Amino acid sequence: MTTTTYRGVDVPGVRAPAGGFVHATVVPAGSDLVFVSGQTPKDIDGSVPTDFEHQARMAWRNVERTLSAVAARPPASGRPS
């Protein structure tokens, strides 16, 4: 796949990913496909909540922000697939 067939997206409000990765990749194929992976519980300032529940909420918030940045939304069930 070349860079002309997909678009990487970095998201304002979500800490920059390490190693040259992007928060999401959009692949046009009749309709856009969006791939999101590697979301961590880090806030934009690099802080990480101390307990598991808040870490999970932070990671999910980063997924929601990433989807919003590409005009997508989470599944209607609210669960990742």
PDB file of N, CA and C in Angstrom:
ATOM      1  N   MET A   1       0.842  -1.164   0.000  1.00  0.00           N
ATOM      2  CA  MET A   1       0.000   0.000   0.000  1.00  0.00           C
ATOM      3  C   MET A   1       0.895   1.237   0.000  1.00  0.00           C
ATOM      4  N   THR A   2       0.586   2.221  -0.816  1.00  0.00           N
ATOM      5  CA  THR A   2       1.361   3.454  -0.859  1.00  0.00           C
ATOM      6  C   THR A   2       0.636   4.550  -0.084  1.00  0.00           C
ATOM      7  N   THR A   3       1.344   5.633   0.189  1.00  0.00           N
ATOM      8  CA  THR A   3       0.722   6.724   0.942  1.00  0.00           C
ATOM      9  C   THR A   3      -0.389   7.404   0.161  1.00  0.00           C
ATOM     10  N   THR A   4      -0.492   7.162  -1.121  1.00  0.00           N
ATOM     11  CA  THR A   4      -1.586   7.750  -1.886  1.00  0.00           C
ATOM     12  C   THR A   4      -2.882   6.969  -1.700  1.00  0.00           C
ATOM     13  N   THR A   5      -2.831   5.774  -1.118  1.00  0.00           N
ATOM     14  CA  THR A   5      -4.045   4.986  -0.939  1.00  0.00           C
ATOM     15  C   THR A   5      -4.571   5.005   0.479  1.00  0.00           C
ATOM     16  N   TYR A   6      -3.850   5.617   1.403  1.00  0.00           N
ATOM     17  CA  TYR A   6      -4.362   5.726   2.760  1.00  0.00           C
ATOM     18  C   TYR A   6      -3.899   7.042   3.371  1.00  0.00           C
ATOM     19  N   ARG A   7      -4.548   7.426   4.464  1.00  0.00           N
ATOM     20  CA  ARG A   7      -4.251   8.688   5.125  1.00  0.00           C
ATOM     21  C   ARG A   7      -4.086   8.441   6.612  1.00  0.00           C
ATOM     22  N   GLY A   8      -2.937   8.810   7.148  1.00  0.00           N
ATOM     23  CA  GLY A   8      -2.699   8.730   8.586  1.00  0.00           C
ATOM     24  C   GLY A   8      -3.218   9.985   9.265  1.00  0.00           C
ATOM     25  N   VAL A   9      -3.756   9.823  10.474  1.00  0.00           N
ATOM     26  CA  VAL A   9      -4.341  10.945  11.199  1.00  0.00           C
ATOM     27  C   VAL A   9      -3.758  11.021  12.604  1.00  0.00           C
ATOM     28  N   ASP A  10      -3.209  12.175  12.955  1.00  0.00           N
ATOM     29  CA  ASP A  10      -2.819  12.460  14.331  1.00  0.00           C
ATOM     30  C   ASP A  10      -3.908  13.319  14.943  1.00  0.00           C
ATOM     31  N   VAL A  11      -4.202  13.108  16.217  1.00  0.00           N
ATOM     32  CA  VAL A  11      -5.393  13.674  16.851  1.00  0.00           C
ATOM     33  C   VAL A  11      -5.031  14.733  17.889  1.00  0.00           C
ATOM     34  N   PRO A  12      -5.570  15.945  17.747  1.00  0.00           N
ATOM     35  CA  PRO A  12      -5.395  16.944  18.793  1.00  0.00           C
ATOM     36  C   PRO A  12      -6.057  16.463  20.083  1.00  0.00           C
ATOM     37  N   GLY A  13      -5.414  16.668  21.216  1.00  0.00           N
ATOM     38  CA  GLY A  13      -5.995  16.266  22.492  1.00  0.00           C
ATOM     39  C   GLY A  13      -5.658  14.852  22.911  1.00  0.00           C
ATOM     40  N   VAL A  14      -4.907  14.117  22.086  1.00  0.00           N
ATOM     41  CA  VAL A  14      -4.453  12.765  22.417  1.00  0.00           C
ATOM     42  C   VAL A  14      -2.935  12.773  22.266  1.00  0.00           C
ATOM     43  N   ARG A  15      -2.250  12.239  23.252  1.00  0.00           N
ATOM     44  CA  ARG A  15      -0.778  12.238  23.241  1.00  0.00           C
ATOM     45  C   ARG A  15      -0.257  11.612  21.949  1.00  0.00           C
ATOM     46  N   ALA A  16       0.783  12.213  21.390  1.00  0.00           N
ATOM     47  CA  ALA A  16       1.369  11.725  20.140  1.00  0.00           C
ATOM     48  C   ALA A  16       1.876  10.299  20.305  1.00  0.00           C
ATOM     49  N   PRO A  17       1.621   9.431  19.333  1.00  0.00           N
ATOM     50  CA  PRO A  17       2.119   8.064  19.421  1.00  0.00           C
ATOM     51  C   PRO A  17       3.632   8.014  19.195  1.00  0.00           C
ATOM     52  N   ALA A  18       4.253   7.009  19.744  1.00  0.00           N
ATOM     53  CA  ALA A  18       5.705   6.850  19.615  1.00  0.00           C
ATOM     54  C   ALA A  18       6.062   6.130  18.319  1.00  0.00           C
ATOM     55  N   GLY A  19       7.286   6.248  17.925  1.00  0.00           N
ATOM     56  CA  GLY A  19       7.825   5.441  16.836  1.00  0.00           C
ATOM     57  C   GLY A  19       7.302   5.739  15.449  1.00  0.00           C
ATOM     58  N   GLY A  20       6.800   6.942  15.213  1.00  0.00           N
ATOM     59  CA  GLY A  20       6.329   7.289  13.880  1.00  0.00           C
ATOM     60  C   GLY A  20       4.955   6.754  13.536  1.00  0.00           C
ATOM     61  N   PHE A  21       4.238   6.223  14.520  1.00  0.00           N
ATOM     62  CA  PHE A  21       2.892   5.718  14.280  1.00  0.00           C
ATOM     63  C   PHE A  21       1.904   6.880  14.227  1.00  0.00           C
ATOM     64  N   VAL A  22       0.694   6.615  13.791  1.00  0.00           N
ATOM     65  CA  VAL A  22      -0.390   7.591  13.797  1.00  0.00           C
ATOM     66  C   VAL A  22      -1.542   7.027  14.614  1.00  0.00           C
ATOM     67  N   HIS A  23      -2.456   7.901  15.039  1.00  0.00           N
ATOM     68  CA  HIS A  23      -3.595   7.457  15.845  1.00  0.00           C
ATOM     69  C   HIS A  23      -4.591   6.631  15.044  1.00  0.00           C
ATOM     70  N   ALA A  24      -4.764   6.968  13.802  1.00  0.00           N
ATOM     71  CA  ALA A  24      -5.750   6.263  12.973  1.00  0.00           C
ATOM     72  C   ALA A  24      -5.276   6.273  11.526  1.00  0.00           C
ATOM     73  N   THR A  25      -5.765   5.316  10.770  1.00  0.00           N
ATOM     74  CA  THR A  25      -5.501   5.258   9.341  1.00  0.00           C
ATOM     75  C   THR A  25      -6.831   5.142   8.619  1.00  0.00           C
ATOM     76  N   VAL A  26      -7.042   6.003   7.641  1.00  0.00           N
ATOM     77  CA  VAL A  26      -8.271   5.993   6.861  1.00  0.00           C
ATOM     78  C   VAL A  26      -7.941   5.422   5.485  1.00  0.00           C
ATOM     79  N   VAL A  27      -8.694   4.417   5.082  1.00  0.00           N
ATOM     80  CA  VAL A  27      -8.470   3.752   3.805  1.00  0.00           C
ATOM     81  C   VAL A  27      -9.718   3.892   2.949  1.00  0.00           C
ATOM     82  N   PRO A  28      -9.679   4.709   1.883  1.00  0.00           N
ATOM     83  CA  PRO A  28     -10.859   4.843   1.044  1.00  0.00           C
ATOM     84  C   PRO A  28     -11.051   3.605   0.165  1.00  0.00           C
ATOM     85  N   ALA A  29     -12.261   3.099   0.138  1.00  0.00           N
ATOM     86  CA  ALA A  29     -12.589   1.948  -0.713  1.00  0.00           C
ATOM     87  C   ALA A  29     -14.094   1.978  -0.960  1.00  0.00           C
ATOM     88  N   GLY A  30     -14.535   2.914  -1.739  1.00  0.00           N
ATOM     89  CA  GLY A  30     -15.962   3.114  -1.926  1.00  0.00           C
ATOM     90  C   GLY A  30     -16.530   3.937  -0.790  1.00  0.00           C
ATOM     91  N   SER A  31     -16.252   3.504   0.401  1.00  0.00           N
ATOM     92  CA  SER A  31     -16.511   4.293   1.607  1.00  0.00           C
ATOM     93  C   SER A  31     -15.247   4.199   2.447  1.00  0.00           C
ATOM     94  N   ASP A  32     -15.080   5.121   3.363  1.00  0.00           N
ATOM     95  CA  ASP A  32     -13.847   5.129   4.145  1.00  0.00           C
ATOM     96  C   ASP A  32     -13.845   4.041   5.205  1.00  0.00           C
ATOM     97  N   LEU A  33     -12.720   3.399   5.342  1.00  0.00           N
ATOM     98  CA  LEU A  33     -12.474   2.463   6.432  1.00  0.00           C
ATOM     99  C   LEU A  33     -11.484   3.146   7.365  1.00  0.00           C
ATOM    100  N   VAL A  34     -11.724   3.058   8.654  1.00  0.00           N
ATOM    101  CA  VAL A  34     -10.834   3.675   9.629  1.00  0.00           C
ATOM    102  C   VAL A  34     -10.311   2.590  10.558  1.00  0.00           C
ATOM    103  N   PHE A  35      -9.003   2.513  10.690  1.00  0.00           N
ATOM    104  CA  PHE A  35      -8.364   1.552  11.575  1.00  0.00           C
ATOM    105  C   PHE A  35      -7.732   2.310  12.737  1.00  0.00           C
ATOM    106  N   VAL A  36      -8.094   1.941  13.946  1.00  0.00           N
ATOM    107  CA  VAL A  36      -7.564   2.577  15.146  1.00  0.00           C
ATOM    108  C   VAL A  36      -6.940   1.482  16.004  1.00  0.00           C
ATOM    109  N   SER A  37      -5.737   1.733  16.479  1.00  0.00           N
ATOM    110  CA  SER A  37      -5.097   0.735  17.348  1.00  0.00           C
ATOM    111  C   SER A  37      -4.112   1.425  18.275  1.00  0.00           C
ATOM    112  N   GLY A  38      -3.693   0.689  19.274  1.00  0.00           N
ATOM    113  CA  GLY A  38      -2.624   1.141  20.146  1.00  0.00           C
ATOM    114  C   GLY A  38      -2.963   2.311  21.046  1.00  0.00           C
ATOM    115  N   GLN A  39      -4.226   2.529  21.339  1.00  0.00           N
ATOM    116  CA  GLN A  39      -4.580   3.635  22.220  1.00  0.00           C
ATOM    117  C   GLN A  39      -4.180   3.297  23.657  1.00  0.00           C
ATOM    118  N   THR A  40      -3.552   4.234  24.313  1.00  0.00           N
ATOM    119  CA  THR A  40      -3.068   4.028  25.673  1.00  0.00           C
ATOM    120  C   THR A  40      -3.861   4.887  26.651  1.00  0.00           C
ATOM    121  N   PRO A  41      -3.678   4.647  27.943  1.00  0.00           N
ATOM    122  CA  PRO A  41      -4.385   5.460  28.932  1.00  0.00           C
ATOM    123  C   PRO A  41      -3.666   6.759  29.263  1.00  0.00           C
ATOM    124  N   LYS A  42      -2.783   7.244  28.389  1.00  0.00           N
ATOM    125  CA  LYS A  42      -2.076   8.492  28.645  1.00  0.00           C
ATOM    126  C   LYS A  42      -2.906   9.683  28.180  1.00  0.00           C
ATOM    127  N   ASP A  43      -2.936  10.728  29.021  1.00  0.00           N
ATOM    128  CA  ASP A  43      -3.575  11.975  28.645  1.00  0.00           C
ATOM    129  C   ASP A  43      -2.597  12.770  27.790  1.00  0.00           C
ATOM    130  N   ILE A  44      -3.048  13.872  27.236  1.00  0.00           N
ATOM    131  CA  ILE A  44      -2.207  14.683  26.364  1.00  0.00           C
ATOM    132  C   ILE A  44      -0.925  15.141  27.057  1.00  0.00           C
ATOM    133  N   ASP A  45      -0.976  15.323  28.372  1.00  0.00           N
ATOM    134  CA  ASP A  45       0.210  15.762  29.118  1.00  0.00           C
ATOM    135  C   ASP A  45       1.110  14.603  29.547  1.00  0.00           C
ATOM    136  N   GLY A  46       0.739  13.381  29.168  1.00  0.00           N
ATOM    137  CA  GLY A  46       1.543  12.208  29.495  1.00  0.00           C
ATOM    138  C   GLY A  46       1.179  11.536  30.797  1.00  0.00           C
ATOM    139  N   SER A  47       0.243  12.128  31.540  1.00  0.00           N
ATOM    140  CA  SER A  47      -0.161  11.527  32.816  1.00  0.00           C
ATOM    141  C   SER A  47      -1.006  10.272  32.581  1.00  0.00           C
ATOM    142  N   VAL A  48      -0.913   9.332  33.517  1.00  0.00           N
ATOM    143  CA  VAL A  48      -1.659   8.076  33.455  1.00  0.00           C
ATOM    144  C   VAL A  48      -2.431   7.928  34.761  1.00  0.00           C
ATOM    145  N   PRO A  49      -3.742   7.690  34.714  1.00  0.00           N
ATOM    146  CA  PRO A  49      -4.498   7.477  35.951  1.00  0.00           C
ATOM    147  C   PRO A  49      -3.903   6.304  36.742  1.00  0.00           C
ATOM    148  N   THR A  50      -4.061   6.339  38.049  1.00  0.00           N
ATOM    149  CA  THR A  50      -3.443   5.321  38.893  1.00  0.00           C
ATOM    150  C   THR A  50      -4.241   4.025  38.982  1.00  0.00           C
ATOM    151  N   ASP A  51      -5.560   4.079  38.755  1.00  0.00           N
ATOM    152  CA  ASP A  51      -6.340   2.850  38.881  1.00  0.00           C
ATOM    153  C   ASP A  51      -6.836   2.375  37.516  1.00  0.00           C
ATOM    154  N   PHE A  52      -7.130   1.084  37.443  1.00  0.00           N
ATOM    155  CA  PHE A  52      -7.500   0.451  36.183  1.00  0.00           C
ATOM    156  C   PHE A  52      -8.742   1.071  35.554  1.00  0.00           C
ATOM    157  N   GLU A  53      -9.772   1.322  36.350  1.00  0.00           N
ATOM    158  CA  GLU A  53     -11.014   1.875  35.785  1.00  0.00           C
ATOM    159  C   GLU A  53     -10.750   3.180  35.046  1.00  0.00           C
ATOM    160  N   HIS A  54     -10.005   4.079  35.663  1.00  0.00           N
ATOM    161  CA  HIS A  54      -9.737   5.366  35.028  1.00  0.00           C
ATOM    162  C   HIS A  54      -8.770   5.238  33.848  1.00  0.00           C
ATOM    163  N   GLN A  55      -7.888   4.243  33.899  1.00  0.00           N
ATOM    164  CA  GLN A  55      -7.029   3.988  32.743  1.00  0.00           C
ATOM    165  C   GLN A  55      -7.874   3.529  31.555  1.00  0.00           C
ATOM    166  N   ALA A  56      -8.830   2.641  31.811  1.00  0.00           N
ATOM    167  CA  ALA A  56      -9.709   2.161  30.740  1.00  0.00           C
ATOM    168  C   ALA A  56     -10.541   3.312  30.170  1.00  0.00           C
ATOM    169  N   ARG A  57     -11.042   4.170  31.055  1.00  0.00           N
ATOM    170  CA  ARG A  57     -11.823   5.318  30.593  1.00  0.00           C
ATOM    171  C   ARG A  57     -10.971   6.270  29.747  1.00  0.00           C
ATOM    172  N   MET A  58      -9.733   6.487  30.147  1.00  0.00           N
ATOM    173  CA  MET A  58      -8.833   7.370  29.396  1.00  0.00           C
ATOM    174  C   MET A  58      -8.522   6.782  28.019  1.00  0.00           C
ATOM    175  N   ALA A  59      -8.237   5.485  27.974  1.00  0.00           N
ATOM    176  CA  ALA A  59      -7.950   4.838  26.690  1.00  0.00           C
ATOM    177  C   ALA A  59      -9.172   4.927  25.774  1.00  0.00           C
ATOM    178  N   TRP A  60     -10.365   4.683  26.312  1.00  0.00           N
ATOM    179  CA  TRP A  60     -11.580   4.758  25.494  1.00  0.00           C
ATOM    180  C   TRP A  60     -11.826   6.199  25.044  1.00  0.00           C
ATOM    181  N   ARG A  61     -11.556   7.180  25.919  1.00  0.00           N
ATOM    182  CA  ARG A  61     -11.704   8.581  25.524  1.00  0.00           C
ATOM    183  C   ARG A  61     -10.776   8.892  24.357  1.00  0.00           C
ATOM    184  N   ASN A  62      -9.559   8.341  24.388  1.00  0.00           N
ATOM    185  CA  ASN A  62      -8.633   8.551  23.280  1.00  0.00           C
ATOM    186  C   ASN A  62      -9.142   7.908  21.999  1.00  0.00           C
ATOM    187  N   VAL A  63      -9.791   6.749  22.102  1.00  0.00           N
ATOM    188  CA  VAL A  63     -10.414   6.129  20.922  1.00  0.00           C
ATOM    189  C   VAL A  63     -11.515   7.044  20.389  1.00  0.00           C
ATOM    190  N   GLU A  64     -12.378   7.544  21.265  1.00  0.00           N
ATOM    191  CA  GLU A  64     -13.471   8.424  20.832  1.00  0.00           C
ATOM    192  C   GLU A  64     -12.937   9.692  20.178  1.00  0.00           C
ATOM    193  N   ARG A  65     -11.905  10.295  20.745  1.00  0.00           N
ATOM    194  CA  ARG A  65     -11.314  11.493  20.148  1.00  0.00           C
ATOM    195  C   ARG A  65     -10.711  11.185  18.778  1.00  0.00           C
ATOM    196  N   THR A  66     -10.079  10.034  18.678  1.00  0.00           N
ATOM    197  CA  THR A  66      -9.483   9.633  17.402  1.00  0.00           C
ATOM    198  C   THR A  66     -10.560   9.445  16.342  1.00  0.00           C
ATOM    199  N   LEU A  67     -11.637   8.754  16.686  1.00  0.00           N
ATOM    200  CA  LEU A  67     -12.740   8.572  15.733  1.00  0.00           C
ATOM    201  C   LEU A  67     -13.363   9.908  15.357  1.00  0.00           C
ATOM    202  N   SER A  68     -13.540  10.788  16.330  1.00  0.00           N
ATOM    203  CA  SER A  68     -14.112  12.104  16.070  1.00  0.00           C
ATOM    204  C   SER A  68     -13.242  12.910  15.111  1.00  0.00           C
ATOM    205  N   ALA A  69     -11.921  12.775  15.212  1.00  0.00           N
ATOM    206  CA  ALA A  69     -10.999  13.518  14.350  1.00  0.00           C
ATOM    207  C   ALA A  69     -11.144  13.137  12.885  1.00  0.00           C
ATOM    208  N   VAL A  70     -11.695  11.956  12.608  1.00  0.00           N
ATOM    209  CA  VAL A  70     -11.904  11.525  11.224  1.00  0.00           C
ATOM    210  C   VAL A  70     -13.394  11.432  10.893  1.00  0.00           C
ATOM    211  N   ALA A  71     -14.218  12.141  11.697  1.00  0.00           N
ATOM    212  CA  ALA A  71     -15.667  12.205  11.490  1.00  0.00           C
ATOM    213  C   ALA A  71     -16.318  10.823  11.534  1.00  0.00           C
ATOM    214  N   ALA A  72     -15.830   9.977  12.412  1.00  0.00           N
ATOM    215  CA  ALA A  72     -16.420   8.656  12.625  1.00  0.00           C
ATOM    216  C   ALA A  72     -16.938   8.608  14.050  1.00  0.00           C
ATOM    217  N   ARG A  73     -17.584   7.532  14.404  1.00  0.00           N
ATOM    218  CA  ARG A  73     -18.061   7.373  15.780  1.00  0.00           C
ATOM    219  C   ARG A  73     -17.980   5.916  16.183  1.00  0.00           C
ATOM    220  N   PRO A  74     -18.006   5.673  17.499  1.00  0.00           N
ATOM    221  CA  PRO A  74     -17.932   4.293  17.971  1.00  0.00           C
ATOM    222  C   PRO A  74     -19.175   3.505  17.542  1.00  0.00           C
ATOM    223  N   PRO A  75     -19.111   2.191  17.590  1.00  0.00           N
ATOM    224  CA  PRO A  75     -20.276   1.374  17.269  1.00  0.00           C
ATOM    225  C   PRO A  75     -21.465   1.745  18.171  1.00  0.00           C
ATOM    226  N   ALA A  76     -22.664   1.563  17.664  1.00  0.00           N
ATOM    227  CA  ALA A  76     -23.873   1.921  18.411  1.00  0.00           C
ATOM    228  C   ALA A  76     -23.944   1.205  19.761  1.00  0.00           C
ATOM    229  N   SER A  77     -23.341   0.032  19.854  1.00  0.00           N
ATOM    230  CA  SER A  77     -23.378  -0.701  21.108  1.00  0.00           C
ATOM    231  C   SER A  77     -22.451  -0.101  22.159  1.00  0.00           C
ATOM    232  N   GLY A  78     -21.554   0.781  21.724  1.00  0.00           N
ATOM    233  CA  GLY A  78     -20.594   1.380  22.641  1.00  0.00           C
ATOM    234  C   GLY A  78     -19.428   0.475  22.974  1.00  0.00           C
ATOM    235  N   ARG A  79     -19.358  -0.683  22.334  1.00  0.00           N
ATOM    236  CA  ARG A  79     -18.257  -1.618  22.587  1.00  0.00           C
ATOM    237  C   ARG A  79     -17.354  -1.669  21.362  1.00  0.00           C
ATOM    238  N   PRO A  80     -16.054  -1.720  21.580  1.00  0.00           N
ATOM    239  CA  PRO A  80     -15.167  -1.888  20.425  1.00  0.00           C
ATOM    240  C   PRO A  80     -15.348  -3.253  19.800  1.00  0.00           C
ATOM    241  N   SER A  81     -15.114  -3.342  18.521  1.00  0.00           N
ATOM    242  CA  SER A  81     -15.238  -4.650  17.871  1.00  0.00           C
ATOM    243  C   SER A  81     -13.902  -5.144  17.389  1.00  0.00           C
TER     244      SER A  81
END
